[in-house]
C-alpha atoms as a PDB file:
ATOM      1  CA  UNK A   1       0.000   0.000   0.000  1.00  0.00           C
ATOM      2  CA  UNK A   2       1.396   3.380  -0.919  1.00  0.00           C
ATOM      3  CA  UNK A   3       1.047   6.834   0.636  1.00  0.00           C
ATOM      4  CA  UNK A   4      -0.339   5.761   3.989  1.00  0.00           C
ATOM      5  CA  UNK A   5      -0.899   8.643   6.382  1.00  0.00           C
ATOM      6  CA  UNK A   6       0.948   8.695   9.658  1.00  0.00           C
ATOM      7  CA  UNK A   7      -0.882   6.893  12.455  1.00  0.00           C
ATOM      8  CA  UNK A   8      -2.835   8.936  14.971  1.00  0.00           C
ATOM      9  CA  UNK A   9      -0.884   9.718  18.118  1.00  0.00           C
ATOM     10  CA  UNK A  10      -2.954   7.353  20.246  1.00  0.00           C
ATOM     11  CA  UNK A  11      -3.851   4.476  17.897  1.00  0.00           C
ATOM     12  CA  UNK A  12      -4.516   3.313  14.369  1.00  0.00           C
ATOM     13  CA  UNK A  13      -8.249   3.394  13.660  1.00  0.00           C
ATOM     14  CA  UNK A  14      -9.899  -0.027  13.517  1.00  0.00           C
ATOM     15  CA  UNK A  15     -11.007   0.657   9.959  1.00  0.00           C
ATOM     16  CA  UNK A  16      -7.545   1.724   8.738  1.00  0.00           C
ATOM     17  CA  UNK A  17      -6.819   0.132   5.349  1.00  0.00           C
ATOM     18  CA  UNK A  18      -3.548  -1.405   6.562  1.00  0.00           C
ATOM     19  CA  UNK A  19      -5.307  -3.181   9.435  1.00  0.00           C
ATOM     20  CA  UNK A  20      -8.061  -4.348   7.112  1.00  0.00           C
ATOM     21  CA  UNK A  21      -5.450  -5.845   4.793  1.00  0.00           C
ATOM     22  CA  UNK A  22      -3.548  -7.506   7.653  1.00  0.00           C
ATOM     23  CA  UNK A  23      -6.756  -8.937   9.089  1.00  0.00           C
ATOM     24  CA  UNK A  24      -7.881 -10.263   5.702  1.00  0.00           C
ATOM     25  CA  UNK A  25      -4.503 -11.904   5.116  1.00  0.00           C
ATOM     26  CA  UNK A  26      -4.300 -13.408   8.607  1.00  0.00           C
ATOM     27  CA  UNK A  27      -7.923 -14.564   8.899  1.00  0.00           C
ATOM     28  CA  UNK A  28      -9.081 -15.358   5.374  1.00  0.00           C
ATOM     29  CA  UNK A  29      -5.968 -16.208   3.372  1.00  0.00           C
ATOM     30  CA  UNK A  30      -3.790 -17.847   5.989  1.00  0.00           C
ATOM     31  CA  UNK A  31      -5.687 -18.571   9.205  1.00  0.00           C
ATOM     32  CA  UNK A  32      -3.427 -19.025  12.214  1.00  0.00           C
ATOM     33  CA  UNK A  33      -0.501 -17.346  10.525  1.00  0.00           C
ATOM     34  CA  UNK A  34       0.891 -13.850  10.908  1.00  0.00           C
ATOM     35  CA  UNK A  35       1.839 -10.865   8.803  1.00  0.00           C
ATOM     36  CA  UNK A  36       5.038  -8.887   8.292  1.00  0.00           C
ATOM     37  CA  UNK A  37       4.926  -5.151   7.590  1.00  0.00           C
ATOM     38  CA  UNK A  38       7.570  -3.253   5.628  1.00  0.00           C
ATOM     39  CA  UNK A  39       7.376   0.515   6.036  1.00  0.00           C
ATOM     40  CA  UNK A  40       8.908   2.027   2.897  1.00  0.00           C
ATOM     41  CA  UNK A  41       9.707   5.702   3.138  1.00  0.00           C
ATOM     42  CA  UNK A  42      12.119   8.309   1.805  1.00  0.00           C
ATOM     43  CA  UNK A  43      14.889   9.639   3.983  1.00  0.00           C
ATOM     44  CA  UNK A  44      17.649   8.206   6.134  1.00  0.00           C
ATOM     45  CA  UNK A  45      17.757   4.632   7.390  1.00  0.00           C
ATOM     46  CA  UNK A  46      17.726   5.723  11.044  1.00  0.00           C
ATOM     47  CA  UNK A  47      14.563   4.744  12.903  1.00  0.00           C
ATOM     48  CA  UNK A  48      12.447   7.779  13.762  1.00  0.00           C
ATOM     49  CA  UNK A  49       9.422   8.585  15.869  1.00  0.00           C
ATOM     50  CA  UNK A  50       6.998   7.874  12.998  1.00  0.00           C
ATOM     51  CA  UNK A  51       8.524   4.413  12.491  1.00  0.00           C
ATOM     52  CA  UNK A  52       8.207   3.697  16.206  1.00  0.00           C
ATOM     53  CA  UNK A  53       4.577   4.859  16.190  1.00  0.00           C
ATOM     54  CA  UNK A  54       3.695   2.485  13.327  1.00  0.00           C
ATOM     55  CA  UNK A  55       5.545  -0.381  15.046  1.00  0.00           C
ATOM     56  CA  UNK A  56       3.820   0.181  18.383  1.00  0.00           C
ATOM     57  CA  UNK A  57       0.366   0.553  16.871  1.00  0.00           C
ATOM     58  CA  UNK A  58       0.660  -2.448  14.574  1.00  0.00           C
ATOM     59  CA  UNK A  59       1.861  -4.653  17.423  1.00  0.00           C
ATOM     60  CA  UNK A  60      -0.779  -3.322  19.846  1.00  0.00           C
ATOM     61  CA  UNK A  61      -3.760  -4.314  17.716  1.00  0.00           C
ATOM     62  CA  UNK A  62      -5.042  -7.868  18.168  1.00  0.00           C
ATOM     63  CA  UNK A  63      -6.863  -8.557  14.898  1.00  0.00           C
ATOM     64  CA  UNK A  64      -3.805  -9.911  13.095  1.00  0.00           C
ATOM     65  CA  UNK A  65      -0.622 -11.416  14.528  1.00  0.00           C
ATOM     66  CA  UNK A  66       2.336  -9.235  13.558  1.00  0.00           C
ATOM     67  CA  UNK A  67       5.489 -11.333  13.118  1.00  0.00           C
ATOM     68  CA  UNK A  68       7.769  -8.437  12.256  1.00  0.00           C
ATOM     69  CA  UNK A  69       7.972  -4.805  11.229  1.00  0.00           C
ATOM     70  CA  UNK A  70      10.744  -3.556   8.959  1.00  0.00           C
ATOM     71  CA  UNK A  71      11.785  -0.123   7.696  1.00  0.00           C
ATOM     72  CA  UNK A  72      13.000   0.283   4.104  1.00  0.00           C
ATOM     73  CA  UNK A  73      14.767   3.634   3.805  1.00  0.00           C
ATOM     74  CA  UNK A  74      18.130   5.085   2.896  1.00  0.00           C
ATOM     75  CA  UNK A  75      18.951   2.171   0.585  1.00  0.00           C
ATOM     76  CA  UNK A  76      18.584  -0.477   3.311  1.00  0.00           C
ATOM     77  CA  UNK A  77      15.939  -2.646   4.957  1.00  0.00           C
ATOM     78  CA  UNK A  78      16.164  -3.232   8.673  1.00  0.00           C
ATOM     79  CA  UNK A  79      13.921  -4.770  11.318  1.00  0.00           C
ATOM     80  CA  UNK A  80      12.454  -2.731  14.120  1.00  0.00           C
ATOM     81  CA  UNK A  81      13.659  -4.400  17.309  1.00  0.00           C
ATOM     82  CA  UNK A  82      12.715  -4.081  20.963  1.00  0.00           C
ATOM     83  CA  UNK A  83      15.619  -1.630  21.337  1.00  0.00           C
ATOM     84  CA  UNK A  84      13.975   0.585  18.698  1.00  0.00           C
ATOM     85  CA  UNK A  85      10.714   0.754  20.665  1.00  0.00           C
ATOM     86  CA  UNK A  86      12.104   3.159  23.255  1.00  0.00           C
END
């Protein structure tokens, strides 16, 4: 999905298109499995506040199991780890 808005400060809305897609994949296409999100954005590879917000909100929802969140930026792809959550 391209051009997703930044998540709200407190949570991603239940009807957000990204959550709908994750739920559809996890429940209808591959029940019992999880999803991996790759946040592709321009700019440096360093993890920023917006990346952390997406990571926290995706992992906080319970409709689809999130197996991993990655950031693709600055010519590299890297996972968001527990150290990045702070």
